[in-house]
């Protein structure tokens, strides 16, 4: 009979297994998972973020530890897998409330489920909605817009130079 840990791992989807392996490595840090993708070619991509920013050294450290955990668990008996640990990238949508909090004060492009696109500064992050400060124009005064998370298709931080 397989040990309890392996029985539990076998019942999970591969992404859930990877998540359960990596979470202990993140416990004493400000890092968190934003996404895990596994391609049919066993290419595992783990996307992390951190409240204080995510640098290459943090990614490399997690990559080494997770790689060994995957090998030790025997998920891919022939070692037939590749692993990438990185930040989501500047053009990736925000996926968690924690990311919204981290990006408070930054310019955000929000696309709603009805295809409306709104660009404004992320002013507030509340439990069920966010508040964007929209710049005024010659025709309209500046305003604040409340957008419920349930109506958001994507939110992407805009890089300003």
N, C-alpha and C. Protein backbone atom coordinates (compact mmCIF):
# COMPACT_ATOMS: atom_id res chain seq x y z
N UNK A 1 0.84 -1.18 0.00
CA UNK A 1 0.00 0.00 0.00
C UNK A 1 0.89 1.24 0.00
N UNK A 2 0.53 2.23 -0.82
CA UNK A 2 1.32 3.46 -0.94
C UNK A 2 1.15 4.29 0.33
N UNK A 3 2.22 5.04 0.71
CA UNK A 3 2.10 5.93 1.87
C UNK A 3 0.95 6.93 1.66
N UNK A 4 0.42 7.44 2.78
CA UNK A 4 -0.71 8.38 2.73
C UNK A 4 -0.42 9.55 1.80
N UNK A 5 0.80 10.12 1.90
CA UNK A 5 1.16 11.28 1.09
C UNK A 5 0.99 10.96 -0.40
N UNK A 6 1.48 9.80 -0.83
CA UNK A 6 1.38 9.44 -2.24
C UNK A 6 -0.05 9.13 -2.64
N UNK A 7 -0.83 8.50 -1.74
CA UNK A 7 -2.24 8.24 -2.05
C UNK A 7 -2.96 9.56 -2.27
N UNK A 8 -2.68 10.53 -1.42
CA UNK A 8 -3.33 11.84 -1.53
C UNK A 8 -2.91 12.50 -2.84
N UNK A 9 -1.63 12.42 -3.18
CA UNK A 9 -1.11 13.05 -4.39
C UNK A 9 -1.74 12.44 -5.63
N UNK A 10 -1.95 11.11 -5.63
CA UNK A 10 -2.50 10.44 -6.79
C UNK A 10 -3.93 10.87 -7.07
N UNK A 11 -4.67 11.28 -6.07
CA UNK A 11 -6.06 11.67 -6.24
C UNK A 11 -6.20 13.09 -6.78
N UNK A 12 -5.12 13.86 -6.76
CA UNK A 12 -5.16 15.25 -7.19
C UNK A 12 -4.84 15.37 -8.68
N UNK A 13 -5.31 16.47 -9.29
CA UNK A 13 -4.89 16.81 -10.64
C UNK A 13 -3.41 17.18 -10.56
N UNK A 14 -2.67 17.06 -11.65
CA UNK A 14 -1.24 17.40 -11.60
C UNK A 14 -0.97 18.83 -11.11
N UNK A 15 -1.78 19.78 -11.53
CA UNK A 15 -1.60 21.18 -11.06
C UNK A 15 -1.82 21.29 -9.56
N UNK A 16 -2.80 20.56 -9.04
CA UNK A 16 -3.06 20.57 -7.60
C UNK A 16 -1.92 19.90 -6.83
N UNK A 17 -1.35 18.86 -7.41
CA UNK A 17 -0.21 18.18 -6.79
C UNK A 17 0.97 19.13 -6.70
N UNK A 18 1.26 19.82 -7.79
CA UNK A 18 2.36 20.80 -7.80
C UNK A 18 2.10 21.88 -6.77
N UNK A 19 0.86 22.37 -6.72
CA UNK A 19 0.52 23.41 -5.74
C UNK A 19 0.74 22.91 -4.32
N UNK A 20 0.33 21.68 -4.03
CA UNK A 20 0.51 21.15 -2.68
C UNK A 20 1.99 20.98 -2.34
N UNK A 21 2.81 20.74 -3.35
CA UNK A 21 4.25 20.60 -3.12
C UNK A 21 4.93 21.95 -2.87
N UNK A 22 4.47 22.98 -3.55
CA UNK A 22 5.15 24.27 -3.48
C UNK A 22 4.70 25.11 -2.28
N UNK A 23 3.48 24.95 -1.83
CA UNK A 23 2.96 25.78 -0.73
C UNK A 23 3.85 25.79 0.51
N UNK A 24 4.39 24.65 0.95
CA UNK A 24 5.27 24.70 2.13
C UNK A 24 6.51 25.59 1.92
N UNK A 25 6.99 25.68 0.67
CA UNK A 25 8.16 26.52 0.39
C UNK A 25 7.83 28.01 0.46
N UNK A 26 6.55 28.35 0.38
CA UNK A 26 6.13 29.76 0.36
C UNK A 26 5.65 30.26 1.73
N UNK A 27 5.50 29.33 2.69
CA UNK A 27 4.89 29.66 3.98
C UNK A 27 5.52 30.84 4.70
N UNK A 28 6.83 30.89 4.78
CA UNK A 28 7.50 31.95 5.53
C UNK A 28 7.98 33.09 4.64
N UNK A 29 7.27 33.32 3.56
CA UNK A 29 7.66 34.38 2.63
C UNK A 29 6.42 35.18 2.26
N UNK A 30 6.64 36.22 1.47
CA UNK A 30 5.51 37.01 0.97
C UNK A 30 5.15 36.59 -0.46
N UNK A 31 5.68 35.45 -0.90
CA UNK A 31 5.40 34.94 -2.24
C UNK A 31 4.08 34.18 -2.26
N UNK A 32 3.44 34.18 -3.43
CA UNK A 32 2.21 33.44 -3.60
C UNK A 32 2.08 32.99 -5.05
N UNK A 33 1.30 31.93 -5.27
CA UNK A 33 1.09 31.36 -6.59
C UNK A 33 0.02 32.15 -7.33
N UNK A 34 0.29 32.48 -8.60
CA UNK A 34 -0.75 33.10 -9.42
C UNK A 34 -1.31 32.12 -10.45
N UNK A 35 -0.47 31.17 -10.89
CA UNK A 35 -0.95 30.20 -11.87
C UNK A 35 0.02 29.03 -11.98
N UNK A 36 -0.51 27.89 -12.34
CA UNK A 36 0.31 26.71 -12.64
C UNK A 36 -0.23 26.12 -13.93
N UNK A 37 0.67 25.90 -14.89
CA UNK A 37 0.29 25.31 -16.17
C UNK A 37 1.18 24.11 -16.43
N UNK A 38 0.56 23.02 -16.90
CA UNK A 38 1.33 21.84 -17.27
C UNK A 38 0.92 21.45 -18.69
N UNK A 39 1.90 21.48 -19.59
CA UNK A 39 1.64 21.11 -20.98
C UNK A 39 1.69 19.60 -21.12
N UNK A 40 1.08 19.05 -22.18
CA UNK A 40 1.13 17.60 -22.40
C UNK A 40 2.56 17.05 -22.51
N UNK A 41 3.52 17.91 -22.82
CA UNK A 41 4.92 17.49 -22.92
C UNK A 41 5.60 17.47 -21.55
N UNK A 42 4.82 17.59 -20.47
CA UNK A 42 5.31 17.61 -19.10
C UNK A 42 6.18 18.84 -18.81
N UNK A 43 5.89 19.93 -19.50
CA UNK A 43 6.53 21.20 -19.21
C UNK A 43 5.68 21.88 -18.15
N UNK A 44 6.25 22.03 -16.95
CA UNK A 44 5.53 22.60 -15.81
C UNK A 44 5.95 24.06 -15.67
N UNK A 45 4.98 24.95 -15.69
CA UNK A 45 5.25 26.38 -15.51
C UNK A 45 4.52 26.84 -14.26
N UNK A 46 5.29 27.37 -13.32
CA UNK A 46 4.72 27.89 -12.08
C UNK A 46 4.95 29.39 -12.08
N UNK A 47 3.87 30.13 -11.93
CA UNK A 47 3.96 31.58 -11.90
C UNK A 47 3.73 32.06 -10.47
N UNK A 48 4.69 32.80 -9.95
CA UNK A 48 4.63 33.32 -8.59
C UNK A 48 4.64 34.82 -8.61
N UNK A 49 4.17 35.41 -7.54
CA UNK A 49 4.28 36.85 -7.32
C UNK A 49 4.66 37.02 -5.87
N UNK A 50 5.05 38.22 -5.50
CA UNK A 50 5.43 38.50 -4.12
C UNK A 50 5.04 39.93 -3.79
N UNK A 51 4.62 40.14 -2.56
CA UNK A 51 4.22 41.48 -2.14
C UNK A 51 5.38 42.47 -2.26
N UNK A 52 6.61 42.00 -2.03
CA UNK A 52 7.77 42.89 -2.08
C UNK A 52 8.50 42.81 -3.42
N UNK A 53 7.91 42.14 -4.39
CA UNK A 53 8.55 41.96 -5.68
C UNK A 53 9.22 40.61 -5.76
N UNK A 54 9.31 40.08 -6.95
CA UNK A 54 9.86 38.75 -7.15
C UNK A 54 11.12 38.86 -8.01
N UNK A 55 12.25 38.45 -7.45
CA UNK A 55 13.49 38.52 -8.21
C UNK A 55 13.92 37.13 -8.67
N UNK A 56 14.95 37.10 -9.49
CA UNK A 56 15.43 35.84 -10.07
C UNK A 56 15.93 34.89 -8.99
N UNK A 57 16.57 35.40 -7.96
CA UNK A 57 17.09 34.54 -6.90
C UNK A 57 15.97 33.79 -6.19
N UNK A 58 14.85 34.46 -5.92
CA UNK A 58 13.71 33.80 -5.29
C UNK A 58 13.15 32.70 -6.20
N UNK A 59 13.02 33.02 -7.49
CA UNK A 59 12.50 32.03 -8.45
C UNK A 59 13.43 30.82 -8.53
N UNK A 60 14.74 31.07 -8.60
CA UNK A 60 15.71 29.97 -8.71
C UNK A 60 15.67 29.08 -7.48
N UNK A 61 15.55 29.67 -6.31
CA UNK A 61 15.49 28.90 -5.08
C UNK A 61 14.26 28.00 -5.05
N UNK A 62 13.11 28.55 -5.38
CA UNK A 62 11.87 27.76 -5.41
C UNK A 62 11.97 26.69 -6.49
N UNK A 63 12.54 27.02 -7.65
CA UNK A 63 12.68 26.06 -8.73
C UNK A 63 13.48 24.84 -8.28
N UNK A 64 14.63 25.08 -7.63
CA UNK A 64 15.47 23.96 -7.17
C UNK A 64 14.72 23.07 -6.19
N UNK A 65 14.07 23.70 -5.21
CA UNK A 65 13.36 22.93 -4.19
C UNK A 65 12.19 22.14 -4.78
N UNK A 66 11.43 22.79 -5.65
CA UNK A 66 10.28 22.13 -6.26
C UNK A 66 10.73 21.01 -7.20
N UNK A 67 11.79 21.23 -7.94
CA UNK A 67 12.31 20.19 -8.84
C UNK A 67 12.63 18.92 -8.05
N UNK A 68 13.33 19.09 -6.93
CA UNK A 68 13.67 17.93 -6.10
C UNK A 68 12.42 17.27 -5.51
N UNK A 69 11.44 18.06 -5.12
CA UNK A 69 10.19 17.51 -4.57
C UNK A 69 9.45 16.68 -5.62
N UNK A 70 9.43 17.17 -6.86
CA UNK A 70 8.77 16.43 -7.95
C UNK A 70 9.50 15.11 -8.20
N UNK A 71 10.83 15.18 -8.23
CA UNK A 71 11.62 13.95 -8.42
C UNK A 71 11.39 12.96 -7.29
N UNK A 72 11.44 13.46 -6.04
CA UNK A 72 11.27 12.59 -4.87
C UNK A 72 9.89 11.94 -4.83
N UNK A 73 8.87 12.66 -5.32
CA UNK A 73 7.51 12.11 -5.31
C UNK A 73 7.30 11.11 -6.45
N UNK A 74 8.21 11.08 -7.42
CA UNK A 74 8.09 10.15 -8.54
C UNK A 74 6.94 10.46 -9.48
N UNK A 75 6.59 11.74 -9.60
CA UNK A 75 5.50 12.13 -10.50
C UNK A 75 5.80 11.74 -11.95
N UNK A 76 7.05 11.88 -12.34
CA UNK A 76 7.50 11.57 -13.69
C UNK A 76 8.67 10.58 -13.55
N UNK A 77 8.35 9.28 -13.46
CA UNK A 77 9.35 8.27 -13.12
C UNK A 77 10.63 8.31 -13.97
N UNK A 78 10.53 8.65 -15.23
CA UNK A 78 11.72 8.68 -16.08
C UNK A 78 12.42 10.04 -16.03
N UNK A 79 11.97 10.94 -15.16
CA UNK A 79 12.54 12.28 -15.10
C UNK A 79 12.19 13.09 -16.33
N UNK A 80 11.12 12.68 -17.01
CA UNK A 80 10.72 13.30 -18.26
C UNK A 80 9.82 14.51 -18.01
N UNK A 81 10.41 15.58 -17.47
CA UNK A 81 9.66 16.81 -17.26
C UNK A 81 10.63 17.98 -17.23
N UNK A 82 10.08 19.16 -17.48
CA UNK A 82 10.87 20.39 -17.32
C UNK A 82 10.07 21.31 -16.41
N UNK A 83 10.79 22.18 -15.74
CA UNK A 83 10.16 23.06 -14.74
C UNK A 83 10.64 24.49 -14.94
N UNK A 84 9.70 25.40 -14.97
CA UNK A 84 10.01 26.83 -15.03
C UNK A 84 9.25 27.52 -13.90
N UNK A 85 9.97 28.32 -13.13
CA UNK A 85 9.34 29.12 -12.07
C UNK A 85 9.67 30.57 -12.38
N UNK A 86 8.63 31.40 -12.53
CA UNK A 86 8.86 32.80 -12.88
C UNK A 86 7.70 33.66 -12.41
N UNK A 87 7.85 34.95 -12.61
CA UNK A 87 6.74 35.87 -12.35
C UNK A 87 5.82 35.82 -13.56
N UNK A 88 4.57 36.25 -13.41
CA UNK A 88 3.62 36.14 -14.51
C UNK A 88 3.96 36.99 -15.74
N UNK A 89 4.71 38.05 -15.58
CA UNK A 89 5.01 38.93 -16.71
C UNK A 89 4.09 40.13 -16.72
N UNK A 90 4.56 41.20 -17.32
CA UNK A 90 3.83 42.47 -17.26
C UNK A 90 2.52 42.48 -18.01
N UNK A 91 2.36 41.61 -18.99
CA UNK A 91 1.13 41.63 -19.78
C UNK A 91 0.11 40.58 -19.33
N UNK A 92 0.39 39.89 -18.24
CA UNK A 92 -0.53 38.87 -17.74
C UNK A 92 -1.60 39.53 -16.86
N UNK A 93 -2.84 39.07 -16.97
CA UNK A 93 -3.91 39.63 -16.15
C UNK A 93 -3.72 39.31 -14.66
N UNK A 94 -4.24 40.18 -13.83
CA UNK A 94 -4.26 39.92 -12.39
C UNK A 94 -5.27 38.82 -12.13
N UNK A 95 -4.94 37.90 -11.22
CA UNK A 95 -5.84 36.78 -10.97
C UNK A 95 -6.25 36.64 -9.51
N UNK A 96 -5.63 37.42 -8.62
CA UNK A 96 -5.99 37.27 -7.21
C UNK A 96 -6.15 38.64 -6.56
N UNK A 97 -6.93 38.64 -5.51
CA UNK A 97 -7.14 39.86 -4.74
C UNK A 97 -5.81 40.40 -4.22
N UNK A 98 -4.92 39.50 -3.87
CA UNK A 98 -3.60 39.90 -3.37
C UNK A 98 -2.83 40.69 -4.42
N UNK A 99 -2.95 40.31 -5.69
CA UNK A 99 -2.30 41.06 -6.75
C UNK A 99 -2.91 42.45 -6.91
N UNK A 100 -4.22 42.55 -6.75
CA UNK A 100 -4.86 43.86 -6.81
C UNK A 100 -4.31 44.76 -5.70
N UNK A 101 -4.22 44.23 -4.49
CA UNK A 101 -3.68 45.01 -3.38
C UNK A 101 -2.25 45.47 -3.67
N UNK A 102 -1.45 44.57 -4.20
CA UNK A 102 -0.05 44.87 -4.51
C UNK A 102 0.07 46.02 -5.53
N UNK A 103 -0.89 46.10 -6.44
CA UNK A 103 -0.82 47.07 -7.53
C UNK A 103 -1.66 48.33 -7.30
N UNK A 104 -2.10 48.52 -6.08
CA UNK A 104 -2.86 49.72 -5.73
C UNK A 104 -2.02 50.95 -6.07
N UNK A 105 -2.65 51.94 -6.70
CA UNK A 105 -1.95 53.16 -7.08
C UNK A 105 -1.38 53.13 -8.49
N UNK A 106 -1.45 51.96 -9.14
CA UNK A 106 -0.93 51.83 -10.50
C UNK A 106 -2.05 51.94 -11.52
N UNK A 107 -1.67 52.21 -12.76
CA UNK A 107 -2.63 52.32 -13.86
C UNK A 107 -3.07 50.92 -14.27
N UNK A 108 -4.38 50.74 -14.42
CA UNK A 108 -4.95 49.43 -14.69
C UNK A 108 -5.92 49.52 -15.86
N UNK A 109 -5.82 48.55 -16.77
CA UNK A 109 -6.80 48.45 -17.86
C UNK A 109 -7.72 47.28 -17.53
N UNK A 110 -8.99 47.58 -17.36
CA UNK A 110 -9.98 46.57 -17.00
C UNK A 110 -10.91 46.35 -18.18
N UNK A 111 -11.04 45.09 -18.58
CA UNK A 111 -12.00 44.72 -19.61
C UNK A 111 -13.11 43.94 -18.91
N UNK A 112 -14.32 44.42 -19.08
CA UNK A 112 -15.46 43.78 -18.42
C UNK A 112 -16.02 42.66 -19.30
N UNK A 113 -16.88 41.86 -18.72
CA UNK A 113 -17.48 40.74 -19.45
C UNK A 113 -18.29 41.20 -20.66
N UNK A 114 -18.79 42.45 -20.61
CA UNK A 114 -19.54 42.98 -21.76
C UNK A 114 -18.64 43.76 -22.73
N UNK A 115 -17.31 43.51 -22.64
CA UNK A 115 -16.30 44.04 -23.56
C UNK A 115 -16.02 45.54 -23.40
N UNK A 116 -16.48 46.13 -22.32
CA UNK A 116 -16.14 47.54 -22.06
C UNK A 116 -14.71 47.59 -21.52
N UNK A 117 -13.91 48.54 -22.02
CA UNK A 117 -12.53 48.70 -21.56
C UNK A 117 -12.41 50.03 -20.83
N UNK A 118 -11.91 49.96 -19.59
CA UNK A 118 -11.77 51.15 -18.76
C UNK A 118 -10.32 51.21 -18.27
N UNK A 119 -9.72 52.39 -18.35
CA UNK A 119 -8.36 52.58 -17.86
C UNK A 119 -8.39 53.64 -16.78
N UNK A 120 -7.80 53.30 -15.65
CA UNK A 120 -7.75 54.24 -14.54
C UNK A 120 -6.75 53.78 -13.49
N UNK A 121 -6.53 54.64 -12.53
CA UNK A 121 -5.62 54.31 -11.43
C UNK A 121 -6.38 53.50 -10.39
N UNK A 122 -5.80 52.38 -9.98
CA UNK A 122 -6.43 51.52 -8.98
C UNK A 122 -6.37 52.23 -7.63
N UNK A 123 -7.51 52.71 -7.19
CA UNK A 123 -7.57 53.51 -5.97
C UNK A 123 -7.88 52.68 -4.74
N UNK A 124 -8.87 51.79 -4.86
CA UNK A 124 -9.27 50.97 -3.71
C UNK A 124 -9.49 49.53 -4.15
N UNK A 125 -9.17 48.62 -3.24
CA UNK A 125 -9.40 47.20 -3.46
C UNK A 125 -10.25 46.72 -2.29
N UNK A 126 -11.52 46.45 -2.58
CA UNK A 126 -12.45 46.04 -1.54
C UNK A 126 -12.82 44.57 -1.73
N UNK A 127 -13.61 44.05 -0.82
CA UNK A 127 -13.92 42.62 -0.84
C UNK A 127 -14.62 42.17 -2.11
N UNK A 128 -15.57 42.97 -2.61
CA UNK A 128 -16.34 42.53 -3.77
C UNK A 128 -16.18 43.41 -5.02
N UNK A 129 -15.43 44.50 -4.90
CA UNK A 129 -15.22 45.36 -6.06
C UNK A 129 -13.94 46.19 -5.90
N UNK A 130 -13.52 46.77 -7.02
CA UNK A 130 -12.39 47.69 -6.98
C UNK A 130 -12.88 49.07 -7.38
N UNK A 131 -12.07 50.06 -7.08
CA UNK A 131 -12.41 51.44 -7.44
C UNK A 131 -11.27 52.00 -8.28
N UNK A 132 -11.64 52.46 -9.48
CA UNK A 132 -10.67 53.10 -10.37
C UNK A 132 -10.89 54.60 -10.37
N UNK A 133 -9.81 55.36 -10.34
CA UNK A 133 -9.87 56.80 -10.51
C UNK A 133 -9.63 57.07 -11.99
N UNK A 134 -10.64 57.63 -12.65
CA UNK A 134 -10.59 57.89 -14.08
C UNK A 134 -10.25 59.36 -14.30
N UNK A 135 -9.22 59.61 -15.12
CA UNK A 135 -8.83 60.99 -15.42
C UNK A 135 -9.95 61.71 -16.17
N UNK A 136 -10.02 62.98 -15.96
CA UNK A 136 -11.00 63.78 -16.69
C UNK A 136 -10.49 64.14 -18.07
N UNK A 137 -11.40 64.58 -18.89
CA UNK A 137 -11.07 65.07 -20.23
C UNK A 137 -11.66 66.46 -20.36
N UNK A 138 -11.53 67.05 -21.53
CA UNK A 138 -12.11 68.37 -21.75
C UNK A 138 -13.63 68.32 -21.61
N UNK A 139 -14.21 67.16 -21.95
CA UNK A 139 -15.66 67.02 -21.93
C UNK A 139 -16.20 66.44 -20.62
N UNK A 140 -15.34 65.68 -19.88
CA UNK A 140 -15.81 65.02 -18.66
C UNK A 140 -14.88 65.32 -17.49
N UNK A 141 -15.49 65.45 -16.32
CA UNK A 141 -14.72 65.67 -15.09
C UNK A 141 -14.12 64.33 -14.64
N UNK A 142 -13.04 64.38 -13.85
CA UNK A 142 -12.51 63.13 -13.29
C UNK A 142 -13.59 62.44 -12.46
N UNK A 143 -13.52 61.12 -12.39
CA UNK A 143 -14.53 60.40 -11.62
C UNK A 143 -13.92 59.12 -11.05
N UNK A 144 -14.66 58.54 -10.13
CA UNK A 144 -14.30 57.24 -9.59
C UNK A 144 -15.33 56.24 -10.08
N UNK A 145 -14.85 55.07 -10.45
CA UNK A 145 -15.73 54.04 -10.99
C UNK A 145 -15.56 52.77 -10.16
N UNK A 146 -16.67 52.26 -9.63
CA UNK A 146 -16.66 51.00 -8.89
C UNK A 146 -16.95 49.87 -9.87
N UNK A 147 -16.10 48.86 -9.84
CA UNK A 147 -16.27 47.72 -10.75
C UNK A 147 -16.28 46.43 -9.92
N UNK A 148 -17.42 45.73 -9.90
CA UNK A 148 -17.48 44.45 -9.19
C UNK A 148 -16.56 43.43 -9.85
N UNK A 149 -15.85 42.64 -9.06
CA UNK A 149 -14.96 41.60 -9.60
C UNK A 149 -15.73 40.63 -10.48
N UNK A 150 -16.99 40.40 -10.14
CA UNK A 150 -17.80 39.43 -10.90
C UNK A 150 -18.06 39.88 -12.34
N UNK A 151 -17.81 41.15 -12.64
CA UNK A 151 -18.02 41.65 -14.00
C UNK A 151 -16.71 41.81 -14.78
N UNK A 152 -15.59 41.46 -14.17
CA UNK A 152 -14.28 41.67 -14.79
C UNK A 152 -13.86 40.43 -15.57
N UNK A 153 -13.52 40.65 -16.85
CA UNK A 153 -12.95 39.58 -17.67
C UNK A 153 -11.44 39.54 -17.46
N UNK A 154 -10.77 40.70 -17.61
CA UNK A 154 -9.33 40.80 -17.36
C UNK A 154 -8.99 42.16 -16.77
N UNK A 155 -7.92 42.18 -15.99
CA UNK A 155 -7.34 43.42 -15.46
C UNK A 155 -5.85 43.32 -15.68
N UNK A 156 -5.30 44.28 -16.42
CA UNK A 156 -3.88 44.25 -16.74
C UNK A 156 -3.24 45.57 -16.32
N UNK A 157 -2.17 45.47 -15.53
CA UNK A 157 -1.43 46.66 -15.11
C UNK A 157 -0.77 47.26 -16.34
N UNK A 158 -0.90 48.57 -16.48
CA UNK A 158 -0.31 49.28 -17.60
C UNK A 158 1.03 49.86 -17.18
N UNK A 159 2.02 49.64 -17.98
CA UNK A 159 3.36 50.17 -17.69
C UNK A 159 3.42 51.59 -18.20
N UNK A 160 3.80 52.49 -17.32
CA UNK A 160 3.93 53.89 -17.73
C UNK A 160 5.39 54.31 -17.64
N UNK A 161 5.81 55.07 -18.63
CA UNK A 161 7.22 55.51 -18.69
C UNK A 161 7.31 56.98 -18.42
